[in-house]
Amino acid sequence: MVSISDFLRISKIDSCKHLSTGMRYSDYIKWAGFYLPPYSNFDIKSIGTDKSFGFWPEFFDYTHTRVGTAHDLLLLFCHSISESVCENVKVLNGTVNVNFISKCRNATEFVDVVKNAAEKYSKQIQINPFLGINTDKENNITLATMLLESGVFKGIELYGSSFADNPEKFLGIFNTARKMNLKSRISCLGCRTLKTHEEIFELMQNLHPTHLLNPNIAFNYDDLEEFKSGKIFPEIISFSKDNNIHVEFSPAPILSVSEEKAKLIREVAENDIPFSLCTEDLLFLNKSISEFAVDLCNAGIFSKDEMVKIISNEQ
């Protein structure tokens, strides 16, 4: 058995953290000044199911209402970054949602908030800002394309379900990212309506993302029995390798669902597919990189030595 002390002092990378939900609940309520009414009824086991979708939009509504100024937004991001600093994370890919631009006087002020948050902790941690885009709101694409021209963002992250249902609408933003040599991440929760791996392949071939977040929830487990057992289709392995796709895993669809699905990470590693661990939404999932590492080791997925290499980004 390993403990959190085995990993806490290791310099780590957190490959995906949403800076509006990247702190513990105790820190969030200090920032917000109120408790979240639905939070006590939230069941982590429901993440990735229809049961969880009613909670998340309600939570984001609370947060969006609480942010009144650019300074409020800066403090929110700083709570998330300081949490990473305390965990000895040295490289953080932090996603900021384009929707928050409405809380700033203009695009320049929004960009300055992101820059100032990163610069405040620059001696302790490297922040790589990603621009989060809710694809269910079409005007976000125009805003995002404009914001990428600032040069502050190192990548984009698409979520929602519209990019999976209508990928042709988002070819432009992916082409822009490629031209600017930026990373492009797809949150695979948005792919949950796709029922076959052929549909997944078609989506990936159209958009050509560089990163997939939690690909094991991109599939309908009832229809795809191979994935239900934690196994990866050979075609997926080949496709990932051929297209140099980096896979990211957060605690959401792994140990919160079953240890069997956690074995998927092991299979990714054994097939030499580049991957990393991330916290994604610490507020909801309540697991740091070190805590996630402990869970995976104690479940028998990785040894301590293997995990040290994984979380320190030395695969």
C-alpha atoms as a PDB file:
ATOM      1  CA  MET A   1       0.000   0.000   0.000  1.00  0.00           C
ATOM      2  CA  VAL A   2       1.185   3.516  -0.790  1.00  0.00           C
ATOM      3  CA  SER A   3       0.130   6.779   0.818  1.00  0.00           C
ATOM      4  CA  ILE A   4      -0.124  10.390  -0.284  1.00  0.00           C
ATOM      5  CA  SER A   5       3.243  11.119   1.342  1.00  0.00           C
ATOM      6  CA  ASP A   6       4.878   8.933  -1.318  1.00  0.00           C
ATOM      7  CA  PHE A   7       3.895  11.416  -4.025  1.00  0.00           C
ATOM      8  CA  LEU A   8       3.329  14.791  -2.396  1.00  0.00           C
ATOM      9  CA  ARG A   9       6.922  16.032  -2.704  1.00  0.00           C
ATOM     10  CA  ILE A  10       7.339  14.976  -6.325  1.00  0.00           C
ATOM     11  CA  SER A  11       7.334  17.797  -8.861  1.00  0.00           C
ATOM     12  CA  LYS A  12       4.264  17.077 -10.967  1.00  0.00           C
ATOM     13  CA  ILE A  13       2.340  18.049 -14.064  1.00  0.00           C
ATOM     14  CA  ASP A  14      -1.424  18.494 -14.014  1.00  0.00           C
ATOM     15  CA  SER A  15      -2.332  18.251 -17.681  1.00  0.00           C
ATOM     16  CA  CYS A  16      -5.903  19.576 -17.376  1.00  0.00           C
ATOM     17  CA  LYS A  17      -7.471  21.665 -14.647  1.00  0.00           C
ATOM     18  CA  HIS A  18     -10.449  23.968 -14.988  1.00  0.00           C
ATOM     19  CA  LEU A  19      -9.497  27.121 -13.138  1.00  0.00           C
ATOM     20  CA  SER A  20     -13.079  27.967 -12.194  1.00  0.00           C
ATOM     21  CA  THR A  21     -13.490  24.599 -10.437  1.00  0.00           C
ATOM     22  CA  GLY A  22      -9.913  23.797  -9.484  1.00  0.00           C
ATOM     23  CA  MET A  23     -10.116  24.252  -5.730  1.00  0.00           C
ATOM     24  CA  ARG A  24     -11.569  22.312  -2.806  1.00  0.00           C
ATOM     25  CA  TYR A  25     -15.123  23.048  -1.770  1.00  0.00           C
ATOM     26  CA  SER A  26     -13.906  24.710   1.454  1.00  0.00           C
ATOM     27  CA  ASP A  27     -11.881  27.207  -0.578  1.00  0.00           C
ATOM     28  CA  TYR A  28     -14.692  27.764  -3.040  1.00  0.00           C
ATOM     29  CA  ILE A  29     -17.159  28.838  -0.346  1.00  0.00           C
ATOM     30  CA  LYS A  30     -14.536  31.191   1.111  1.00  0.00           C
ATOM     31  CA  TRP A  31     -14.325  32.859  -2.280  1.00  0.00           C
ATOM     32  CA  ALA A  32     -18.061  32.741  -3.002  1.00  0.00           C
ATOM     33  CA  GLY A  33     -19.318  33.653   0.453  1.00  0.00           C
ATOM     34  CA  PHE A  34     -22.167  31.132   0.273  1.00  0.00           C
ATOM     35  CA  TYR A  35     -22.852  27.409   0.269  1.00  0.00           C
ATOM     36  CA  LEU A  36     -24.038  25.621  -2.844  1.00  0.00           C
ATOM     37  CA  PRO A  37     -27.541  24.253  -2.168  1.00  0.00           C
ATOM     38  CA  PRO A  38     -27.331  21.296  -4.573  1.00  0.00           C
ATOM     39  CA  TYR A  39     -23.792  20.283  -3.646  1.00  0.00           C
ATOM     40  CA  SER A  40     -24.651  18.088  -0.669  1.00  0.00           C
ATOM     41  CA  ASN A  41     -26.843  15.915  -2.904  1.00  0.00           C
ATOM     42  CA  PHE A  42     -24.202  15.442  -5.597  1.00  0.00           C
ATOM     43  CA  ASP A  43     -23.079  11.840  -6.072  1.00  0.00           C
ATOM     44  CA  ILE A  44     -19.628  11.410  -7.633  1.00  0.00           C
ATOM     45  CA  LYS A  45     -20.739   8.023  -9.022  1.00  0.00           C
ATOM     46  CA  SER A  46     -23.191   9.819 -11.284  1.00  0.00           C
ATOM     47  CA  ILE A  47     -20.488  11.718 -13.176  1.00  0.00           C
ATOM     48  CA  GLY A  48     -20.737  11.028 -16.897  1.00  0.00           C
ATOM     49  CA  THR A  49     -24.396  10.066 -16.682  1.00  0.00           C
ATOM     50  CA  ASP A  50     -27.539  12.036 -17.369  1.00  0.00           C
ATOM     51  CA  LYS A  51     -28.040  12.266 -13.583  1.00  0.00           C
ATOM     52  CA  SER A  52     -25.068  14.594 -13.220  1.00  0.00           C
ATOM     53  CA  PHE A  53     -25.903  17.035 -16.016  1.00  0.00           C
ATOM     54  CA  GLY A  54     -28.602  18.838 -14.062  1.00  0.00           C
ATOM     55  CA  PHE A  55     -26.168  19.699 -11.291  1.00  0.00           C
ATOM     56  CA  TRP A  56     -23.248  21.069 -13.276  1.00  0.00           C
ATOM     57  CA  PRO A  57     -25.132  23.816 -15.165  1.00  0.00           C
ATOM     58  CA  GLU A  58     -26.727  24.882 -11.890  1.00  0.00           C
ATOM     59  CA  PHE A  59     -23.327  25.128 -10.252  1.00  0.00           C
ATOM     60  CA  PHE A  60     -21.888  27.176 -13.117  1.00  0.00           C
ATOM     61  CA  ASP A  61     -24.874  29.501 -12.888  1.00  0.00           C
ATOM     62  CA  TYR A  62     -24.014  30.132  -9.233  1.00  0.00           C
ATOM     63  CA  THR A  63     -20.374  30.812 -10.080  1.00  0.00           C
ATOM     64  CA  HIS A  64     -21.184  33.025 -13.051  1.00  0.00           C
ATOM     65  CA  THR A  65     -23.564  35.075 -10.923  1.00  0.00           C
ATOM     66  CA  ARG A  66     -20.986  35.431  -8.144  1.00  0.00           C
ATOM     67  CA  VAL A  67     -18.329  36.834 -10.509  1.00  0.00           C
ATOM     68  CA  GLY A  68     -19.166  40.519 -10.710  1.00  0.00           C
ATOM     69  CA  THR A  69     -15.844  41.986 -11.785  1.00  0.00           C
ATOM     70  CA  ALA A  70     -12.566  41.073 -13.395  1.00  0.00           C
ATOM     71  CA  HIS A  71     -11.013  41.081  -9.923  1.00  0.00           C
ATOM     72  CA  ASP A  72     -13.499  38.448  -8.743  1.00  0.00           C
ATOM     73  CA  LEU A  73     -12.471  36.329 -11.701  1.00  0.00           C
ATOM     74  CA  LEU A  74      -8.789  36.785 -10.911  1.00  0.00           C
ATOM     75  CA  LEU A  75      -9.324  35.638  -7.317  1.00  0.00           C
ATOM     76  CA  LEU A  76     -11.273  32.598  -8.517  1.00  0.00           C
ATOM     77  CA  PHE A  77      -8.420  31.523 -10.803  1.00  0.00           C
ATOM     78  CA  CYS A  78      -5.858  32.195  -8.077  1.00  0.00           C
ATOM     79  CA  HIS A  79      -7.612  29.830  -5.671  1.00  0.00           C
ATOM     80  CA  SER A  80      -7.203  27.032  -8.213  1.00  0.00           C
ATOM     81  CA  ILE A  81      -3.583  27.835  -8.978  1.00  0.00           C
ATOM     82  CA  SER A  82      -2.583  28.108  -5.315  1.00  0.00           C
ATOM     83  CA  GLU A  83      -4.114  24.670  -4.713  1.00  0.00           C
ATOM     84  CA  SER A  84      -1.790  23.283  -7.387  1.00  0.00           C
ATOM     85  CA  VAL A  85       1.198  25.064  -5.884  1.00  0.00           C
ATOM     86  CA  CYS A  86       0.484  23.437  -2.511  1.00  0.00           C
ATOM     87  CA  GLU A  87       0.416  20.050  -4.253  1.00  0.00           C
ATOM     88  CA  ASN A  88       3.860  20.706  -5.740  1.00  0.00           C
ATOM     89  CA  VAL A  89       2.540  20.859  -9.301  1.00  0.00           C
ATOM     90  CA  LYS A  90       5.167  22.576 -11.426  1.00  0.00           C
ATOM     91  CA  VAL A  91       3.380  22.564 -14.798  1.00  0.00           C
ATOM     92  CA  LEU A  92      -0.356  23.276 -14.979  1.00  0.00           C
ATOM     93  CA  ASN A  93      -2.500  23.344 -18.095  1.00  0.00           C
ATOM     94  CA  GLY A  94      -5.268  25.559 -16.784  1.00  0.00           C
ATOM     95  CA  THR A  95      -8.508  26.024 -18.707  1.00  0.00           C
ATOM     96  CA  VAL A  96     -10.429  29.301 -18.481  1.00  0.00           C
ATOM     97  CA  ASN A  97     -13.927  29.482 -19.887  1.00  0.00           C
ATOM     98  CA  VAL A  98     -14.572  31.963 -22.670  1.00  0.00           C
ATOM     99  CA  ASN A  99     -18.005  32.688 -21.127  1.00  0.00           C
ATOM    100  CA  PHE A 100     -16.306  34.695 -18.375  1.00  0.00           C
ATOM    101  CA  ILE A 101     -15.405  37.396 -20.875  1.00  0.00           C
ATOM    102  CA  SER A 102     -18.856  38.850 -20.152  1.00  0.00           C
ATOM    103  CA  LYS A 103     -17.653  39.678 -16.631  1.00  0.00           C
ATOM    104  CA  CYS A 104     -14.892  41.917 -17.967  1.00  0.00           C
ATOM    105  CA  ARG A 105     -15.157  45.318 -19.591  1.00  0.00           C
ATOM    106  CA  ASN A 106     -13.621  44.031 -22.805  1.00  0.00           C
ATOM    107  CA  ALA A 107     -11.513  41.256 -24.297  1.00  0.00           C
ATOM    108  CA  THR A 108      -8.282  42.958 -23.266  1.00  0.00           C
ATOM    109  CA  GLU A 109      -9.289  42.952 -19.613  1.00  0.00           C
ATOM    110  CA  PHE A 110     -10.187  39.243 -19.814  1.00  0.00           C
ATOM    111  CA  VAL A 111      -6.805  38.412 -21.339  1.00  0.00           C
ATOM    112  CA  ASP A 112      -5.092  40.515 -18.657  1.00  0.00           C
ATOM    113  CA  VAL A 113      -6.854  38.517 -15.916  1.00  0.00           C
ATOM    114  CA  VAL A 114      -5.462  35.294 -17.357  1.00  0.00           C
ATOM    115  CA  LYS A 115      -1.975  36.786 -17.737  1.00  0.00           C
ATOM    116  CA  ASN A 116      -1.980  38.270 -14.237  1.00  0.00           C
ATOM    117  CA  ALA A 117      -3.090  35.012 -12.624  1.00  0.00           C
ATOM    118  CA  ALA A 118      -0.270  33.143 -14.357  1.00  0.00           C
ATOM    119  CA  GLU A 119       2.342  35.804 -13.618  1.00  0.00           C
ATOM    120  CA  LYS A 120       1.441  35.987  -9.921  1.00  0.00           C
ATOM    121  CA  TYR A 121       2.655  32.407  -9.427  1.00  0.00           C
ATOM    122  CA  SER A 122       5.284  32.303 -12.171  1.00  0.00           C
ATOM    123  CA  LYS A 123       8.164  31.692  -9.736  1.00  0.00           C
ATOM    124  CA  GLN A 124       6.423  28.614  -8.352  1.00  0.00           C
ATOM    125  CA  ILE A 125       4.583  27.066 -11.271  1.00  0.00           C
ATOM    126  CA  GLN A 126       4.347  27.240 -15.067  1.00  0.00           C
ATOM    127  CA  ILE A 127       0.800  27.989 -16.173  1.00  0.00           C
ATOM    128  CA  ASN A 128      -0.218  27.061 -19.717  1.00  0.00           C
ATOM    129  CA  PRO A 129      -3.626  28.700 -20.257  1.00  0.00           C
ATOM    130  CA  PHE A 130      -6.181  26.837 -22.364  1.00  0.00           C
ATOM    131  CA  LEU A 131      -9.330  28.522 -23.636  1.00  0.00           C
ATOM    132  CA  GLY A 132     -12.453  26.557 -22.743  1.00  0.00           C
ATOM    133  CA  ILE A 133     -15.256  26.698 -25.310  1.00  0.00           C
ATOM    134  CA  ASN A 134     -18.816  25.537 -24.706  1.00  0.00           C
ATOM    135  CA  THR A 135     -19.737  24.391 -28.202  1.00  0.00           C
ATOM    136  CA  ASP A 136     -23.453  24.467 -27.394  1.00  0.00           C
ATOM    137  CA  LYS A 137     -23.252  28.267 -27.631  1.00  0.00           C
ATOM    138  CA  GLU A 138     -22.370  29.223 -31.183  1.00  0.00           C
ATOM    139  CA  ASN A 139     -21.191  32.778 -30.467  1.00  0.00           C
ATOM    140  CA  ASN A 140     -18.389  31.335 -28.331  1.00  0.00           C
ATOM    141  CA  ILE A 141     -16.479  30.232 -31.437  1.00  0.00           C
ATOM    142  CA  THR A 142     -16.218  33.793 -32.751  1.00  0.00           C
ATOM    143  CA  LEU A 143     -15.092  35.057 -29.343  1.00  0.00           C
ATOM    144  CA  ALA A 144     -12.568  32.262 -28.964  1.00  0.00           C
ATOM    145  CA  THR A 145     -11.005  32.860 -32.366  1.00  0.00           C
ATOM    146  CA  MET A 146     -10.536  36.523 -31.468  1.00  0.00           C
ATOM    147  CA  LEU A 147      -9.018  35.712 -28.066  1.00  0.00           C
ATOM    148  CA  LEU A 148      -6.511  33.245 -29.517  1.00  0.00           C
ATOM    149  CA  GLU A 149      -4.937  36.130 -31.410  1.00  0.00           C
ATOM    150  CA  SER A 150      -3.752  37.541 -28.072  1.00  0.00           C
ATOM    151  CA  GLY A 151      -1.016  34.905 -27.965  1.00  0.00           C
ATOM    152  CA  VAL A 152      -1.707  34.149 -24.295  1.00  0.00           C
ATOM    153  CA  PHE A 153      -3.406  30.798 -24.790  1.00  0.00           C
ATOM    154  CA  LYS A 154      -1.484  27.596 -25.411  1.00  0.00           C
ATOM    155  CA  GLY A 155      -4.468  25.536 -26.450  1.00  0.00           C
ATOM    156  CA  ILE A 156      -8.231  25.167 -26.706  1.00  0.00           C
ATOM    157  CA  GLU A 157     -10.640  22.803 -24.967  1.00  0.00           C
ATOM    158  CA  LEU A 158     -14.025  21.997 -26.466  1.00  0.00           C
ATOM    159  CA  TYR A 159     -16.882  20.666 -24.391  1.00  0.00           C
ATOM    160  CA  GLY A 160     -20.639  20.382 -24.718  1.00  0.00           C
ATOM    161  CA  SER A 161     -22.148  18.032 -27.293  1.00  0.00           C
ATOM    162  CA  SER A 162     -22.450  20.179 -30.424  1.00  0.00           C
ATOM    163  CA  PHE A 163     -18.893  19.450 -31.615  1.00  0.00           C
ATOM    164  CA  ALA A 164     -19.788  15.750 -31.706  1.00  0.00           C
ATOM    165  CA  ASP A 165     -23.198  16.248 -33.303  1.00  0.00           C
ATOM    166  CA  ASN A 166     -22.066  18.869 -35.840  1.00  0.00           C
ATOM    167  CA  PRO A 167     -18.255  18.707 -36.133  1.00  0.00           C
ATOM    168  CA  GLU A 168     -18.243  20.633 -39.439  1.00  0.00           C
ATOM    169  CA  LYS A 169     -19.158  23.805 -37.524  1.00  0.00           C
ATOM    170  CA  PHE A 170     -15.910  23.634 -35.559  1.00  0.00           C
ATOM    171  CA  LEU A 171     -13.393  22.895 -38.266  1.00  0.00           C
ATOM    172  CA  GLY A 172     -12.411  26.567 -38.358  1.00  0.00           C
ATOM    173  CA  ILE A 173     -11.339  26.814 -34.714  1.00  0.00           C
ATOM    174  CA  PHE A 174      -9.309  23.598 -35.015  1.00  0.00           C
ATOM    175  CA  ASN A 175      -7.630  24.855 -38.179  1.00  0.00           C
ATOM    176  CA  THR A 176      -6.814  28.104 -36.392  1.00  0.00           C
ATOM    177  CA  ALA A 177      -5.293  26.165 -33.485  1.00  0.00           C
ATOM    178  CA  ARG A 178      -3.139  24.103 -35.843  1.00  0.00           C
ATOM    179  CA  LYS A 179      -1.915  27.179 -37.715  1.00  0.00           C
ATOM    180  CA  MET A 180      -0.939  28.777 -34.410  1.00  0.00           C
ATOM    181  CA  ASN A 181       0.713  25.551 -33.214  1.00  0.00           C
ATOM    182  CA  LEU A 182      -1.702  25.313 -30.282  1.00  0.00           C
ATOM    183  CA  LYS A 183      -2.925  22.170 -28.566  1.00  0.00           C
ATOM    184  CA  SER A 184      -6.549  21.162 -29.044  1.00  0.00           C
ATOM    185  CA  ARG A 185      -8.432  19.120 -26.467  1.00  0.00           C
ATOM    186  CA  ILE A 186     -11.810  17.436 -26.741  1.00  0.00           C
ATOM    187  CA  SER A 187     -13.710  16.619 -23.576  1.00  0.00           C
ATOM    188  CA  CYS A 188     -15.070  13.201 -24.472  1.00  0.00           C
ATOM    189  CA  LEU A 189     -18.089  13.593 -22.231  1.00  0.00           C
ATOM    190  CA  GLY A 190     -19.549  15.472 -25.196  1.00  0.00           C
ATOM    191  CA  CYS A 191     -19.243  12.317 -27.299  1.00  0.00           C
ATOM    192  CA  ARG A 192     -21.510  10.274 -25.052  1.00  0.00           C
ATOM    193  CA  THR A 193     -24.295  10.171 -27.669  1.00  0.00           C
ATOM    194  CA  LEU A 194     -22.085   8.467 -30.250  1.00  0.00           C
ATOM    195  CA  LYS A 195     -22.845   4.760 -30.358  1.00  0.00           C
ATOM    196  CA  THR A 196     -20.105   3.179 -32.458  1.00  0.00           C
ATOM    197  CA  HIS A 197     -16.352   3.470 -32.690  1.00  0.00           C
ATOM    198  CA  GLU A 198     -16.793   4.288 -36.398  1.00  0.00           C
ATOM    199  CA  GLU A 199     -18.587   7.476 -35.350  1.00  0.00           C
ATOM    200  CA  ILE A 200     -15.722   8.275 -32.974  1.00  0.00           C
ATOM    201  CA  PHE A 201     -13.178   7.746 -35.751  1.00  0.00           C
ATOM    202  CA  GLU A 202     -15.082   9.988 -38.112  1.00  0.00           C
ATOM    203  CA  LEU A 203     -15.199  12.760 -35.504  1.00  0.00           C
ATOM    204  CA  MET A 204     -11.481  12.480 -34.754  1.00  0.00           C
ATOM    205  CA  GLN A 205     -10.586  12.426 -38.442  1.00  0.00           C
ATOM    206  CA  ASN A 206     -12.625  15.572 -39.047  1.00  0.00           C
ATOM    207  CA  LEU A 207     -11.318  17.610 -36.135  1.00  0.00           C
ATOM    208  CA  HIS A 208      -7.830  16.129 -35.564  1.00  0.00           C
ATOM    209  CA  PRO A 209      -7.515  17.041 -31.867  1.00  0.00           C
ATOM    210  CA  THR A 210      -4.141  16.693 -30.185  1.00  0.00           C
ATOM    211  CA  HIS A 211      -5.615  15.683 -26.808  1.00  0.00           C
ATOM    212  CA  LEU A 212      -8.553  13.554 -25.643  1.00  0.00           C
ATOM    213  CA  LEU A 213      -9.843  14.022 -22.113  1.00  0.00           C
ATOM    214  CA  ASN A 214     -11.332  10.862 -20.599  1.00  0.00           C
ATOM    215  CA  PRO A 215     -11.830   8.878 -23.827  1.00  0.00           C
ATOM    216  CA  ASN A 216     -13.384   5.979 -21.910  1.00  0.00           C
ATOM    217  CA  ILE A 217     -16.608   7.986 -21.508  1.00  0.00           C
ATOM    218  CA  ALA A 218     -16.761   8.677 -25.235  1.00  0.00           C
ATOM    219  CA  PHE A 219     -18.490   5.380 -25.730  1.00  0.00           C
ATOM    220  CA  ASN A 220     -21.880   3.925 -24.994  1.00  0.00           C
ATOM    221  CA  TYR A 221     -20.959   1.021 -22.722  1.00  0.00           C
ATOM    222  CA  ASP A 222     -24.222  -0.837 -23.360  1.00  0.00           C
ATOM    223  CA  ASP A 223     -23.536  -1.026 -27.080  1.00  0.00           C
ATOM    224  CA  LEU A 224     -19.777  -1.513 -26.992  1.00  0.00           C
ATOM    225  CA  GLU A 225     -19.110  -4.548 -24.837  1.00  0.00           C
ATOM    226  CA  GLU A 226     -15.374  -4.464 -25.522  1.00  0.00           C
ATOM    227  CA  PHE A 227     -15.107  -1.117 -23.790  1.00  0.00           C
ATOM    228  CA  LYS A 228     -17.346  -2.244 -20.949  1.00  0.00           C
ATOM    229  CA  SER A 229     -14.628  -4.656 -19.861  1.00  0.00           C
ATOM    230  CA  GLY A 230     -11.965  -1.948 -19.944  1.00  0.00           C
ATOM    231  CA  LYS A 231     -10.433  -3.160 -23.212  1.00  0.00           C
ATOM    232  CA  ILE A 232      -9.410  -0.907 -26.084  1.00  0.00           C
ATOM    233  CA  PHE A 233     -10.285  -1.627 -29.675  1.00  0.00           C
ATOM    234  CA  PRO A 234      -7.107  -2.354 -31.713  1.00  0.00           C
ATOM    235  CA  GLU A 235      -8.276   0.294 -34.185  1.00  0.00           C
ATOM    236  CA  ILE A 236      -8.288   2.906 -31.436  1.00  0.00           C
ATOM    237  CA  ILE A 237      -4.727   2.037 -30.467  1.00  0.00           C
ATOM    238  CA  SER A 238      -3.544   2.370 -34.058  1.00  0.00           C
ATOM    239  CA  PHE A 239      -5.499   5.572 -34.616  1.00  0.00           C
ATOM    240  CA  SER A 240      -4.076   7.195 -31.474  1.00  0.00           C
ATOM    241  CA  LYS A 241      -0.521   6.287 -32.388  1.00  0.00           C
ATOM    242  CA  ASP A 242      -0.820   7.271 -36.047  1.00  0.00           C
ATOM    243  CA  ASN A 243      -2.268  10.674 -35.145  1.00  0.00           C
ATOM    244  CA  ASN A 244      -0.019  11.336 -32.142  1.00  0.00           C
ATOM    245  CA  ILE A 245      -2.996  11.818 -29.829  1.00  0.00           C
ATOM    246  CA  HIS A 246      -2.268  12.440 -26.161  1.00  0.00           C
ATOM    247  CA  VAL A 247      -4.782  10.933 -23.744  1.00  0.00           C
ATOM    248  CA  GLU A 248      -5.662  12.525 -20.405  1.00  0.00           C
ATOM    249  CA  PHE A 249      -7.402  10.795 -17.500  1.00  0.00           C
ATOM    250  CA  SER A 250      -9.095  12.448 -14.548  1.00  0.00           C
ATOM    251  CA  PRO A 251     -10.665  10.624 -11.584  1.00  0.00           C
ATOM    252  CA  ALA A 252     -14.174  11.246 -13.009  1.00  0.00           C
ATOM    253  CA  PRO A 253     -14.779   8.110 -15.079  1.00  0.00           C
ATOM    254  CA  ILE A 254     -12.183   5.883 -13.442  1.00  0.00           C
ATOM    255  CA  LEU A 255     -12.285   4.893  -9.785  1.00  0.00           C
ATOM    256  CA  SER A 256     -15.578   6.691  -9.280  1.00  0.00           C
ATOM    257  CA  VAL A 257     -17.143   4.074 -11.565  1.00  0.00           C
ATOM    258  CA  SER A 258     -15.184   0.859 -11.078  1.00  0.00           C
ATOM    259  CA  GLU A 259     -11.651  -0.459 -10.731  1.00  0.00           C
ATOM    260  CA  GLU A 260     -12.243  -2.481 -13.907  1.00  0.00           C
ATOM    261  CA  LYS A 261     -12.393   0.669 -16.009  1.00  0.00           C
ATOM    262  CA  ALA A 262      -9.289   1.973 -14.252  1.00  0.00           C
ATOM    263  CA  LYS A 263      -7.412  -0.846 -15.971  1.00  0.00           C
ATOM    264  CA  LEU A 264      -7.951   1.058 -19.213  1.00  0.00           C
ATOM    265  CA  ILE A 265      -5.150   3.404 -18.155  1.00  0.00           C
ATOM    266  CA  ARG A 266      -2.848   0.428 -17.783  1.00  0.00           C
ATOM    267  CA  GLU A 267      -3.681  -0.758 -21.281  1.00  0.00           C
ATOM    268  CA  VAL A 268      -3.007   2.711 -22.678  1.00  0.00           C
ATOM    269  CA  ALA A 269       0.415   2.660 -21.003  1.00  0.00           C
ATOM    270  CA  GLU A 270       1.270  -0.843 -22.254  1.00  0.00           C
ATOM    271  CA  ASN A 271       0.387   0.169 -25.805  1.00  0.00           C
ATOM    272  CA  ASP A 272       2.729   3.172 -25.636  1.00  0.00           C
ATOM    273  CA  ILE A 273      -0.023   5.735 -26.139  1.00  0.00           C
ATOM    274  CA  PRO A 274       1.102   9.051 -24.608  1.00  0.00           C
ATOM    275  CA  PHE A 275      -1.015   9.829 -21.550  1.00  0.00           C
ATOM    276  CA  SER A 276      -1.111  11.839 -18.355  1.00  0.00           C
ATOM    277  CA  LEU A 277      -3.219  12.272 -15.239  1.00  0.00           C
ATOM    278  CA  CYS A 278      -5.160  15.401 -14.399  1.00  0.00           C
ATOM    279  CA  THR A 279      -7.504  16.762 -11.753  1.00  0.00           C
ATOM    280  CA  GLU A 280      -9.967  18.327 -14.238  1.00  0.00           C
ATOM    281  CA  ASP A 281     -12.521  19.608 -11.678  1.00  0.00           C
ATOM    282  CA  LEU A 282     -11.091  19.355  -8.165  1.00  0.00           C
ATOM    283  CA  LEU A 283     -14.199  20.965  -6.696  1.00  0.00           C
ATOM    284  CA  PHE A 284     -16.387  18.105  -7.911  1.00  0.00           C
ATOM    285  CA  LEU A 285     -13.979  15.175  -7.915  1.00  0.00           C
ATOM    286  CA  ASN A 286     -12.067  16.118  -4.743  1.00  0.00           C
ATOM    287  CA  LYS A 287      -8.874  14.322  -5.747  1.00  0.00           C
ATOM    288  CA  SER A 288      -5.464  15.850  -6.232  1.00  0.00           C
ATOM    289  CA  ILE A 289      -2.878  14.282  -8.533  1.00  0.00           C
ATOM    290  CA  SER A 290      -1.233  12.661  -5.498  1.00  0.00           C
ATOM    291  CA  GLU A 291      -4.544  11.253  -4.264  1.00  0.00           C
ATOM    292  CA  PHE A 292      -5.403   9.936  -7.729  1.00  0.00           C
ATOM    293  CA  ALA A 293      -1.957   8.324  -7.904  1.00  0.00           C
ATOM    294  CA  VAL A 294      -2.526   6.609  -4.550  1.00  0.00           C
ATOM    295  CA  ASP A 295      -5.862   5.202  -5.729  1.00  0.00           C
ATOM    296  CA  LEU A 296      -4.378   3.788  -8.924  1.00  0.00           C
ATOM    297  CA  CYS A 297      -1.448   2.194  -7.099  1.00  0.00           C
ATOM    298  CA  ASN A 298      -3.543   0.685  -4.338  1.00  0.00           C
ATOM    299  CA  ALA A 299      -5.944  -0.693  -6.953  1.00  0.00           C
ATOM    300  CA  GLY A 300      -2.993  -2.568  -8.454  1.00  0.00           C
ATOM    301  CA  ILE A 301      -2.988  -0.633 -11.728  1.00  0.00           C
ATOM    302  CA  PHE A 302       0.553   0.763 -11.407  1.00  0.00           C
ATOM    303  CA  SER A 303       3.501   0.295  -9.083  1.00  0.00           C
ATOM    304  CA  LYS A 304       4.833   3.189  -7.031  1.00  0.00           C
ATOM    305  CA  ASP A 305       7.899   3.558  -9.274  1.00  0.00           C
ATOM    306  CA  GLU A 306       5.762   3.562 -12.413  1.00  0.00           C
ATOM    307  CA  MET A 307       3.451   6.175 -10.949  1.00  0.00           C
ATOM    308  CA  VAL A 308       6.329   8.465  -9.998  1.00  0.00           C
ATOM    309  CA  LYS A 309       7.383   8.532 -13.661  1.00  0.00           C
ATOM    310  CA  ILE A 310       3.818   9.139 -14.834  1.00  0.00           C
ATOM    311  CA  ILE A 311       2.951  12.085 -12.610  1.00  0.00           C
ATOM    312  CA  SER A 312       6.354  13.714 -12.968  1.00  0.00           C
ATOM    313  CA  ASN A 313       5.860  13.615 -16.737  1.00  0.00           C
ATOM    314  CA  GLU A 314       8.854  11.366 -17.325  1.00  0.00           C
ATOM    315  CA  GLN A 315       7.205   8.549 -19.241  1.00  0.00           C
END
